[in-house]
Amino acid sequence: MDIEISVTITAPDGTAHTDRIAAFSKGIEAAGDIGLSIEEGKAVLLGIQRKVVAAQCEAFCIQRARCTCCDRKLRGKGRRQIRYRTVFGDIAVESPRFYSCQCHNGPAKTFSPLNELLPDHIAPELLWLETKWASLVSFGVTTNLLKDVLPIDMRLNPDTIRRHLGRVATRMEAELSDERYSFIETSPHQRAQLPNPEGQITVGIDGGYVRSRDAGQSHFEVTVGKSIPTDRPSRYLGLVQSHDDKPKRRLHEVLKDQGWQENHPVTFMTDGGDTVIHMARHMAPSSEHILDWFHITMRITVMQQYVKGLAHHNPAEAEAIARLLRQIKGFLWNGNLHNGQAAIEDLVIDLEVVETDYASIKALRKAASEFETYIANNALMIPNYAERRRYGERVSTGFVESTVNTVVGKRFGKRQQMRWSKRGAHLMLQTRTRALDGTLRAKFEQWHPALKPSSETEMAA
């Protein structure tokens, strides 16, 4: 069976050209013969792309070959070939250069129309594909994936994709407005006039650690968050606080993208760290800040493990301390902060007078003292967790713990065998969070409206 594929292109002046793209001889004896192979499909796509790109660039250059002011034909200076990288292969395009018309003062004596049309020499959709997959998997895997399924130039390498991702993330960063101390812009009277919001938004913020490539520093902290509205898709947030100078602005933009308005109730759940508390402070007037129950129980659990070791040396005193820890947990769970802090104070005092040869008693005393300070510093953020649970409200940032694993662990973890600079990790977080929550494509469509599917394309599909 002989198959021939041709393409017909009609220029703006109505002239039509038909060119043969590819020809195949296909058998019908085995399953492998049916349909086009990957390599045959690549050849067809590359052939069509060459004809389409060449025709479009030629038509654009013909339009720009005349002065836009006096319609005089411009004098040519020469031509050269440029390489335009597309999803379906690298295309060599003839790029003419013209002298600017003397009827007006141009920015330069000569200009190249294609340098204006294709300033980056790479198709936006290819840049989107590279950024998306490099944000999800390693640069090397992304390179192999694109080469396997698309007629990509074999010279594509991980360093090129890394540079392209950095360019995209840097453009996102440039669009962020300046940081502000407070983002509350309305008065109580103005907020009362706003339409009633539907549902509420829960924001969880936590931190993780990434291996550093800088000398003298093994790891540095990254901040990760997730915003979950009642009636809209969730959004991720990621940044390196020691590098980023706009953390509050970044969080504010995420909330705005989810339809937040200043009378919208927002619940911020954090681990009590100063950096994440400062990030959420003065963000939303109709908000509450809650200390994550998981981080409270995690500290109590650590002390309970020490008490199990103490039981081998001082069983009676270990039982009394274990009972006191259970009481503390119960008081805090039910929002009884007064009795809870009194019980913590008793715990610290009791541990100071314990006489034992238990080797980890100093670590237990230190953990109890730090827990007392932790609860005192975050007392205003401790609600009645039991009541919140009864009403089906969140009491823990377990969803953020999984977010840290999703955003940080699976791309920056030890298995990747990578060390990161603060800037490199911060830029990667900007594209990775958008790739994970599905907003990366929308950002490219905002930059390049032609990427939005047209009604004709949707009907054909």
Protein backbone atom coordinates (compact mmCIF):
# COMPACT_ATOMS: atom_id res chain seq x y z
CA MET A 1 0.00 0.00 0.00
CA ASP A 2 1.45 3.36 -1.12
CA ILE A 3 0.64 6.49 0.88
CA GLU A 4 1.45 10.05 -0.16
CA ILE A 5 0.88 13.12 2.05
CA SER A 6 0.72 16.64 0.62
CA VAL A 7 -0.08 20.06 2.06
CA THR A 8 -1.72 23.02 0.34
CA ILE A 9 -1.04 26.53 1.66
CA THR A 10 -2.93 29.61 0.45
CA ALA A 11 -0.97 32.85 0.87
CA PRO A 12 -2.63 36.16 1.92
CA ASP A 13 -2.69 37.24 -1.75
CA GLY A 14 -4.75 34.15 -2.66
CA THR A 15 -1.93 32.19 -4.27
CA ALA A 16 -2.08 28.48 -3.41
CA HIS A 17 0.89 26.10 -3.37
CA THR A 18 0.73 22.34 -2.97
CA ASP A 19 3.83 20.42 -1.90
CA ARG A 20 4.43 16.74 -1.24
CA ILE A 21 5.47 16.13 2.37
CA ALA A 22 6.12 12.41 2.54
CA ALA A 23 5.51 9.10 0.80
CA PHE A 24 5.35 5.65 2.43
CA SER A 25 4.94 2.06 1.41
CA LYS A 26 3.08 0.19 4.12
CA GLY A 27 2.36 -3.50 4.49
CA ILE A 28 -0.84 -5.08 5.82
CA GLU A 29 0.46 -8.41 7.09
CA ALA A 30 1.23 -7.58 10.76
CA ALA A 31 0.10 -5.27 13.55
CA GLY A 32 3.38 -3.36 13.28
CA ASP A 33 2.50 -2.40 9.70
CA ILE A 34 -0.79 -0.75 10.61
CA GLY A 35 -0.70 3.03 10.96
CA LEU A 36 2.30 5.33 10.99
CA SER A 37 5.30 4.51 13.12
CA ILE A 38 6.75 7.06 15.49
CA GLU A 39 9.58 7.88 13.08
CA GLU A 40 7.16 8.20 10.14
CA GLY A 41 4.92 10.45 12.21
CA LYS A 42 7.90 12.61 13.15
CA ALA A 43 8.88 12.93 9.48
CA VAL A 44 5.34 14.00 8.51
CA LEU A 45 5.09 16.56 11.31
CA LEU A 46 8.52 17.99 10.55
CA GLY A 47 7.71 18.24 6.83
CA ILE A 48 4.42 20.06 7.46
CA GLN A 49 6.04 22.36 10.00
CA ARG A 50 8.78 23.36 7.55
CA LYS A 51 6.25 24.35 4.88
CA VAL A 52 3.94 26.19 7.30
CA VAL A 53 6.69 28.14 9.08
CA ALA A 54 8.42 29.06 5.80
CA ALA A 55 5.14 30.28 4.27
CA GLN A 56 4.17 32.30 7.35
CA CYS A 57 7.58 33.94 7.70
CA GLU A 58 7.71 34.76 3.99
CA ALA A 59 4.26 36.37 4.11
CA PHE A 60 5.23 38.42 7.17
CA CYS A 61 8.45 39.61 5.53
CA ILE A 62 6.56 40.59 2.36
CA GLN A 63 4.26 42.77 4.46
CA ARG A 64 7.18 44.40 6.26
CA ALA A 65 9.10 44.94 2.99
CA ARG A 66 7.12 48.16 2.48
CA CYS A 67 7.21 51.24 4.68
CA THR A 68 4.27 51.40 7.07
CA CYS A 69 4.14 55.20 6.71
CA CYS A 70 4.55 55.96 3.00
CA ASP A 71 4.09 52.42 1.57
CA ARG A 72 7.41 52.74 -0.29
CA LYS A 73 9.22 49.52 -1.05
CA LEU A 74 12.22 49.17 1.26
CA ARG A 75 15.72 48.55 0.01
CA GLY A 76 17.17 45.17 0.99
CA LYS A 77 20.50 44.80 2.77
CA GLY A 78 20.87 41.05 2.55
CA ARG A 79 19.58 37.88 4.11
CA ARG A 80 20.70 35.09 6.38
CA GLN A 81 19.29 31.91 7.83
CA ILE A 82 18.01 31.69 11.36
CA ARG A 83 17.06 28.55 13.27
CA TYR A 84 13.58 28.58 14.76
CA ARG A 85 12.96 25.83 17.33
CA THR A 86 9.40 24.45 17.29
CA VAL A 87 7.52 21.56 18.84
CA PHE A 88 7.83 19.63 15.58
CA GLY A 89 11.48 20.27 14.86
CA ASP A 90 14.04 22.97 14.20
CA ILE A 91 13.30 24.98 11.07
CA ALA A 92 15.87 26.95 9.04
CA VAL A 93 14.17 30.16 7.86
CA GLU A 94 15.40 32.80 5.43
CA SER A 95 15.61 36.09 7.32
CA PRO A 96 15.93 39.23 5.11
CA ARG A 97 17.19 42.57 6.40
CA PHE A 98 15.93 45.94 5.11
CA TYR A 99 17.07 49.54 5.33
CA SER A 100 14.67 51.73 7.30
CA CYS A 101 12.71 54.23 5.23
CA GLN A 102 14.01 57.81 5.21
CA CYS A 103 10.51 59.26 5.58
CA HIS A 104 10.80 58.95 9.35
CA ASN A 105 13.50 58.45 11.95
CA GLY A 106 13.63 54.79 12.91
CA PRO A 107 15.43 53.29 15.89
CA ALA A 108 18.10 51.82 13.58
CA LYS A 109 19.30 52.13 10.01
CA THR A 110 18.41 48.52 9.24
CA PHE A 111 16.04 45.99 10.72
CA SER A 112 15.10 42.34 10.37
CA PRO A 113 11.34 41.58 10.41
CA LEU A 114 11.87 38.07 11.74
CA ASN A 115 13.86 39.34 14.71
CA GLU A 116 10.72 41.25 15.68
CA LEU A 117 8.39 38.32 15.00
CA LEU A 118 10.61 35.61 16.55
CA PRO A 119 12.80 37.40 19.13
CA ASP A 120 13.58 34.27 21.15
CA HIS A 121 13.96 31.88 18.19
CA ILE A 122 11.85 29.31 20.06
CA ALA A 123 8.13 28.58 19.77
CA PRO A 124 6.14 29.47 22.92
CA GLU A 125 4.50 26.04 22.94
CA LEU A 126 7.86 24.27 22.93
CA LEU A 127 8.99 26.53 25.77
CA TRP A 128 5.82 25.54 27.65
CA LEU A 129 6.47 21.83 27.11
CA GLU A 130 10.09 22.12 28.25
CA THR A 131 9.12 24.14 31.32
CA LYS A 132 6.24 21.86 32.30
CA TRP A 133 8.11 18.58 32.12
CA ALA A 134 11.37 19.94 33.54
CA SER A 135 9.34 21.18 36.51
CA LEU A 136 7.93 17.70 37.07
CA VAL A 137 10.94 15.47 36.36
CA SER A 138 14.68 15.94 35.94
CA PHE A 139 16.18 17.91 33.07
CA GLY A 140 17.74 14.76 31.62
CA VAL A 141 14.48 12.80 31.66
CA THR A 142 12.68 15.75 30.06
CA THR A 143 15.24 15.84 27.26
CA ASN A 144 14.83 12.13 26.52
CA LEU A 145 11.04 12.33 26.72
CA LEU A 146 10.77 15.15 24.18
CA LYS A 147 13.21 13.44 21.83
CA ASP A 148 11.24 10.18 22.01
CA VAL A 149 7.81 11.56 21.13
CA LEU A 150 8.55 14.66 19.03
CA PRO A 151 10.85 15.43 16.09
CA ILE A 152 13.07 17.52 18.38
CA ASP A 153 16.61 18.35 17.29
CA MET A 154 19.00 15.75 18.72
CA ARG A 155 21.28 18.58 19.89
CA LEU A 156 18.76 19.47 22.64
CA ASN A 157 20.44 18.95 26.03
CA PRO A 158 19.53 19.33 29.73
CA ASP A 159 21.48 22.60 30.10
CA THR A 160 19.40 24.22 27.35
CA ILE A 161 16.16 23.20 29.05
CA ARG A 162 17.45 24.45 32.41
CA ARG A 163 18.21 27.87 30.90
CA HIS A 164 14.80 28.04 29.24
CA LEU A 165 13.04 27.19 32.51
CA GLY A 166 15.01 29.90 34.27
CA ARG A 167 13.98 32.39 31.59
CA VAL A 168 10.29 31.56 32.08
CA ALA A 169 10.51 31.77 35.88
CA THR A 170 12.40 35.07 35.70
CA ARG A 171 9.64 36.51 33.54
CA MET A 172 7.07 35.42 36.13
CA GLU A 173 9.12 37.08 38.86
CA ALA A 174 9.31 40.34 36.91
CA GLU A 175 5.50 40.52 36.79
CA LEU A 176 5.15 40.56 40.59
CA SER A 177 4.40 43.97 42.07
CA ASP A 178 6.34 45.39 45.00
CA GLU A 179 6.12 43.92 48.49
CA ARG A 180 3.95 45.64 51.10
CA TYR A 181 3.59 45.45 54.86
CA SER A 182 -0.19 45.11 54.66
CA PHE A 183 -2.52 44.20 51.82
CA ILE A 184 -5.71 45.37 53.54
CA GLU A 185 -7.00 48.25 51.39
CA THR A 186 -10.66 48.65 52.46
CA SER A 187 -12.35 49.97 55.58
CA PRO A 188 -14.87 47.92 57.60
CA HIS A 189 -17.68 49.98 56.04
CA GLN A 190 -16.43 49.26 52.50
CA ARG A 191 -16.10 45.55 53.25
CA ALA A 192 -19.68 45.49 54.47
CA GLN A 193 -20.79 46.66 51.02
CA LEU A 194 -19.04 43.81 49.22
CA PRO A 195 -21.12 40.82 48.06
CA ASN A 196 -21.17 37.89 50.44
CA PRO A 197 -18.42 35.40 49.55
CA GLU A 198 -19.18 31.75 49.01
CA GLY A 199 -17.37 29.34 51.32
CA GLN A 200 -14.00 30.00 52.84
CA ILE A 201 -10.32 29.55 52.00
CA THR A 202 -7.90 27.43 54.01
CA VAL A 203 -4.20 28.18 53.58
CA GLY A 204 -1.55 25.87 54.99
CA ILE A 205 2.10 26.92 55.06
CA ASP A 206 5.06 24.76 56.06
CA GLY A 207 8.75 24.39 55.33
CA GLY A 208 11.15 21.83 53.92
CA TYR A 209 14.88 21.55 53.31
CA VAL A 210 16.88 21.32 50.10
CA ARG A 211 20.50 20.29 49.68
CA SER A 212 22.66 23.34 49.01
CA ARG A 213 25.51 23.56 46.54
CA ASP A 214 27.01 26.60 48.29
CA ALA A 215 30.17 25.98 50.29
CA GLY A 216 29.72 26.03 54.03
CA GLN A 217 25.99 25.26 53.92
CA SER A 218 24.60 21.75 53.65
CA HIS A 219 20.90 22.64 53.40
CA PHE A 220 18.63 25.66 53.20
CA GLU A 221 14.92 26.03 53.94
CA VAL A 222 12.14 26.41 51.39
CA THR A 223 8.60 27.49 52.24
CA VAL A 224 5.70 25.63 50.67
CA GLY A 225 1.99 26.30 50.94
CA LYS A 226 -1.36 25.23 49.58
CA SER A 227 -4.50 27.33 49.30
CA ILE A 228 -7.77 25.38 49.29
CA PRO A 229 -10.96 27.34 48.56
CA THR A 230 -14.39 25.80 48.92
CA ASP A 231 -15.54 26.22 45.31
CA ARG A 232 -12.35 26.60 43.23
CA PRO A 233 -9.30 24.52 42.37
CA SER A 234 -6.43 24.49 44.87
CA ARG A 235 -3.22 26.43 44.27
CA TYR A 236 0.35 25.72 45.36
CA LEU A 237 2.88 28.22 46.63
CA GLY A 238 6.64 27.85 46.89
CA LEU A 239 9.59 30.12 47.62
CA VAL A 240 13.00 30.36 49.27
CA GLN A 241 12.48 32.89 52.05
CA SER A 242 16.18 33.71 52.44
CA HIS A 243 16.27 34.63 48.73
CA ASP A 244 12.78 35.99 48.01
CA ASP A 245 11.96 39.60 48.87
CA LYS A 246 8.23 39.36 48.01
CA PRO A 247 6.78 36.45 50.01
CA LYS A 248 3.60 38.29 51.10
CA ARG A 249 2.97 39.61 47.61
CA ARG A 250 3.31 36.08 46.25
CA LEU A 251 0.71 34.73 48.68
CA HIS A 252 -1.57 37.68 47.95
CA GLU A 253 -1.48 36.97 44.20
CA VAL A 254 -2.39 33.32 44.77
CA LEU A 255 -5.43 34.36 46.83
CA LYS A 256 -6.48 36.90 44.21
CA ASP A 257 -6.29 34.28 41.46
CA GLN A 258 -8.76 32.20 43.47
CA GLY A 259 -11.34 34.97 43.59
CA TRP A 260 -10.52 36.18 47.10
CA GLN A 261 -11.98 39.50 48.27
CA GLU A 262 -11.34 41.31 51.53
CA ASN A 263 -14.49 40.09 53.27
CA HIS A 264 -13.65 36.48 52.38
CA PRO A 265 -12.91 34.37 55.48
CA VAL A 266 -9.41 32.87 55.32
CA THR A 267 -7.94 30.35 57.76
CA PHE A 268 -4.14 30.34 57.92
CA MET A 269 -2.65 27.17 59.43
CA THR A 270 1.07 27.25 60.23
CA ASP A 271 3.68 25.48 62.32
CA GLY A 272 4.20 28.54 64.51
CA GLY A 273 7.46 29.61 62.87
CA ASP A 274 8.16 33.33 62.76
CA THR A 275 8.76 33.42 59.00
CA VAL A 276 5.47 31.78 58.01
CA ILE A 277 3.47 33.76 60.60
CA HIS A 278 4.94 37.02 59.29
CA MET A 279 4.11 35.95 55.74
CA ALA A 280 0.39 35.55 56.53
CA ARG A 281 0.06 38.51 58.92
CA HIS A 282 -1.93 41.56 57.71
CA MET A 283 -2.94 39.62 54.61
CA ALA A 284 -6.71 39.31 55.01
CA PRO A 285 -8.94 41.20 57.48
CA SER A 286 -11.47 38.35 57.72
CA SER A 287 -8.91 35.76 58.75
CA GLU A 288 -7.94 33.52 61.63
CA HIS A 289 -4.53 32.07 62.39
CA ILE A 290 -4.35 28.57 63.84
CA LEU A 291 -1.40 26.61 65.16
CA ASP A 292 -1.29 23.26 63.41
CA TRP A 293 -2.28 20.43 65.76
CA PHE A 294 0.17 18.08 64.07
CA HIS A 295 3.17 20.13 65.22
CA ILE A 296 1.87 20.17 68.81
CA THR A 297 1.41 16.41 68.93
CA MET A 298 4.75 15.84 67.22
CA ARG A 299 6.56 17.61 70.09
CA ILE A 300 4.54 15.71 72.70
CA THR A 301 5.31 12.42 70.95
CA VAL A 302 9.05 13.15 71.09
CA MET A 303 8.83 13.68 74.84
CA GLN A 304 6.79 10.49 75.25
CA GLN A 305 9.56 8.53 73.55
CA TYR A 306 12.09 9.91 76.04
CA VAL A 307 9.75 8.94 78.90
CA LYS A 308 9.71 5.33 77.68
CA GLY A 309 13.47 5.28 78.14
CA LEU A 310 13.16 6.87 81.57
CA ALA A 311 10.79 4.06 82.62
CA HIS A 312 13.71 1.60 82.67
CA HIS A 313 15.45 3.71 85.34
CA ASN A 314 12.65 5.44 87.32
CA PRO A 315 9.34 3.62 86.62
CA ALA A 316 7.20 5.58 89.11
CA GLU A 317 8.42 8.99 88.02
CA ALA A 318 8.16 8.00 84.34
CA GLU A 319 4.50 7.00 84.85
CA ALA A 320 3.75 10.33 86.54
CA ILE A 321 5.38 12.29 83.71
CA ALA A 322 3.59 10.20 81.07
CA ARG A 323 0.26 10.90 82.80
CA LEU A 324 1.10 14.63 82.86
CA LEU A 325 1.86 14.56 79.11
CA ARG A 326 -1.52 12.95 78.43
CA GLN A 327 -3.21 15.67 80.48
CA ILE A 328 -1.36 18.40 78.56
CA LYS A 329 -2.45 16.89 75.28
CA GLY A 330 -6.06 16.72 76.44
CA PHE A 331 -6.08 20.31 77.72
CA LEU A 332 -4.64 21.69 74.46
CA TRP A 333 -6.95 19.56 72.30
CA ASN A 334 -9.98 21.04 74.05
CA GLY A 335 -8.63 24.60 73.93
CA ASN A 336 -8.07 24.77 77.68
CA LEU A 337 -4.95 26.89 77.38
CA HIS A 338 -4.88 28.05 81.03
CA ASN A 339 -4.74 24.54 82.49
CA GLY A 340 -2.55 23.36 79.63
CA GLN A 341 0.16 25.94 80.32
CA ALA A 342 -0.05 25.24 84.05
CA ALA A 343 0.47 21.52 83.37
CA ILE A 344 3.43 22.27 81.10
CA GLU A 345 4.96 24.40 83.86
CA ASP A 346 4.50 21.49 86.31
CA LEU A 347 6.17 19.19 83.76
CA VAL A 348 9.25 21.41 83.52
CA ILE A 349 9.53 21.68 87.31
CA ASP A 350 9.06 17.93 87.88
CA LEU A 351 11.75 17.09 85.34
CA GLU A 352 14.22 19.44 87.02
CA VAL A 353 13.98 17.56 90.35
CA VAL A 354 14.14 14.05 88.87
CA GLU A 355 17.26 12.24 90.03
CA THR A 356 18.24 9.51 87.59
CA ASP A 357 21.14 8.05 85.66
CA TYR A 358 19.07 8.10 82.46
CA ALA A 359 21.41 9.41 79.75
CA SER A 360 18.73 11.32 77.82
CA ILE A 361 17.23 13.17 80.76
CA LYS A 362 18.91 16.42 79.63
CA ALA A 363 17.36 16.06 76.17
CA LEU A 364 13.93 15.48 77.78
CA ARG A 365 14.30 18.57 79.96
CA LYS A 366 15.35 20.63 76.97
CA ALA A 367 12.38 19.38 74.91
CA ALA A 368 9.97 20.25 77.73
CA SER A 369 11.44 23.74 78.14
CA GLU A 370 11.27 24.41 74.40
CA PHE A 371 7.68 23.14 74.33
CA GLU A 372 6.73 25.57 77.10
CA THR A 373 8.19 28.46 75.08
CA TYR A 374 6.55 27.18 71.87
CA ILE A 375 3.07 27.13 73.42
CA ALA A 376 3.56 30.51 75.12
CA ASN A 377 4.67 32.15 71.86
CA ASN A 378 1.71 30.74 69.92
CA ALA A 379 -0.97 30.92 72.63
CA LEU A 380 -3.18 33.24 70.58
CA MET A 381 -3.24 30.70 67.73
CA ILE A 382 -4.49 27.73 69.77
CA PRO A 383 -8.26 27.16 69.29
CA ASN A 384 -10.57 24.45 70.60
CA TYR A 385 -9.41 21.70 68.26
CA ALA A 386 -12.09 19.27 69.46
CA GLU A 387 -14.85 21.73 68.60
CA ARG A 388 -13.37 22.41 65.17
CA ARG A 389 -13.21 18.68 64.48
CA ARG A 390 -16.88 18.24 65.52
CA TYR A 391 -17.90 20.88 62.99
CA GLY A 392 -15.83 19.28 60.24
CA GLU A 393 -13.19 22.03 60.16
CA ARG A 394 -9.48 21.40 59.66
CA VAL A 395 -7.25 21.10 62.73
CA SER A 396 -4.03 20.00 61.04
CA THR A 397 -1.95 20.80 57.99
CA GLY A 398 -1.66 17.19 56.94
CA PHE A 399 -2.48 18.37 53.44
CA VAL A 400 0.54 20.67 53.61
CA GLU A 401 2.80 17.85 54.77
CA SER A 402 1.84 16.00 51.59
CA THR A 403 2.35 19.24 49.67
CA VAL A 404 5.92 19.53 50.95
CA ASN A 405 6.54 15.98 49.75
CA THR A 406 4.89 16.66 46.38
CA VAL A 407 6.52 20.01 45.67
CA VAL A 408 9.91 19.54 47.33
CA GLY A 409 10.57 15.88 48.05
CA LYS A 410 9.82 14.49 44.60
CA ARG A 411 11.89 17.02 42.64
CA PHE A 412 14.54 18.33 45.05
CA GLY A 413 15.06 15.17 47.10
CA LYS A 414 18.14 13.08 47.62
CA ARG A 415 17.18 10.57 44.93
CA GLN A 416 17.63 13.30 42.32
CA GLN A 417 21.31 13.57 43.33
CA MET A 418 21.15 17.34 42.86
CA ARG A 419 22.35 20.29 44.89
CA TRP A 420 20.65 23.62 44.41
CA SER A 421 21.51 27.27 44.68
CA LYS A 422 18.92 29.40 46.45
CA ARG A 423 18.09 31.26 43.26
CA GLY A 424 17.86 28.07 41.18
CA ALA A 425 15.56 26.39 43.70
CA HIS A 426 13.39 29.49 43.99
CA LEU A 427 12.93 29.74 40.21
CA MET A 428 12.18 26.03 39.95
CA LEU A 429 9.52 26.36 42.67
CA GLN A 430 7.72 29.04 40.65
CA THR A 431 7.29 26.82 37.59
CA ARG A 432 6.83 23.55 39.51
CA THR A 433 3.96 24.86 41.63
CA ARG A 434 2.18 26.09 38.50
CA ALA A 435 2.80 22.82 36.68
CA LEU A 436 1.35 20.88 39.63
CA ASP A 437 -1.79 22.96 40.07
CA GLY A 438 -2.43 23.29 36.32
CA THR A 439 -1.96 27.05 35.90
CA LEU A 440 1.28 27.01 33.88
CA ARG A 441 -0.54 26.70 30.54
CA ALA A 442 -2.84 29.60 31.47
CA LYS A 443 0.21 31.77 32.15
CA PHE A 444 1.64 31.01 28.69
CA GLU A 445 -1.76 31.74 27.11
CA GLN A 446 -1.74 35.08 28.92
CA TRP A 447 1.66 35.89 27.40
CA HIS A 448 0.78 34.43 23.98
CA PRO A 449 -2.99 34.66 23.31
CA ALA A 450 -2.56 32.71 20.05
CA LEU A 451 -1.97 29.56 22.16
CA LYS A 452 -5.60 29.58 23.29
CA PRO A 453 -7.63 26.98 21.35
CA SER A 454 -9.83 28.59 18.73
CA SER A 455 -13.44 27.55 18.16
CA GLU A 456 -12.48 25.98 14.83
CA THR A 457 -9.80 23.86 16.54
CA GLU A 458 -12.22 22.73 19.22
CA MET A 459 -14.85 21.76 16.64
CA ALA A 460 -12.31 19.85 14.58
CA ALA A 461 -11.14 17.98 17.66
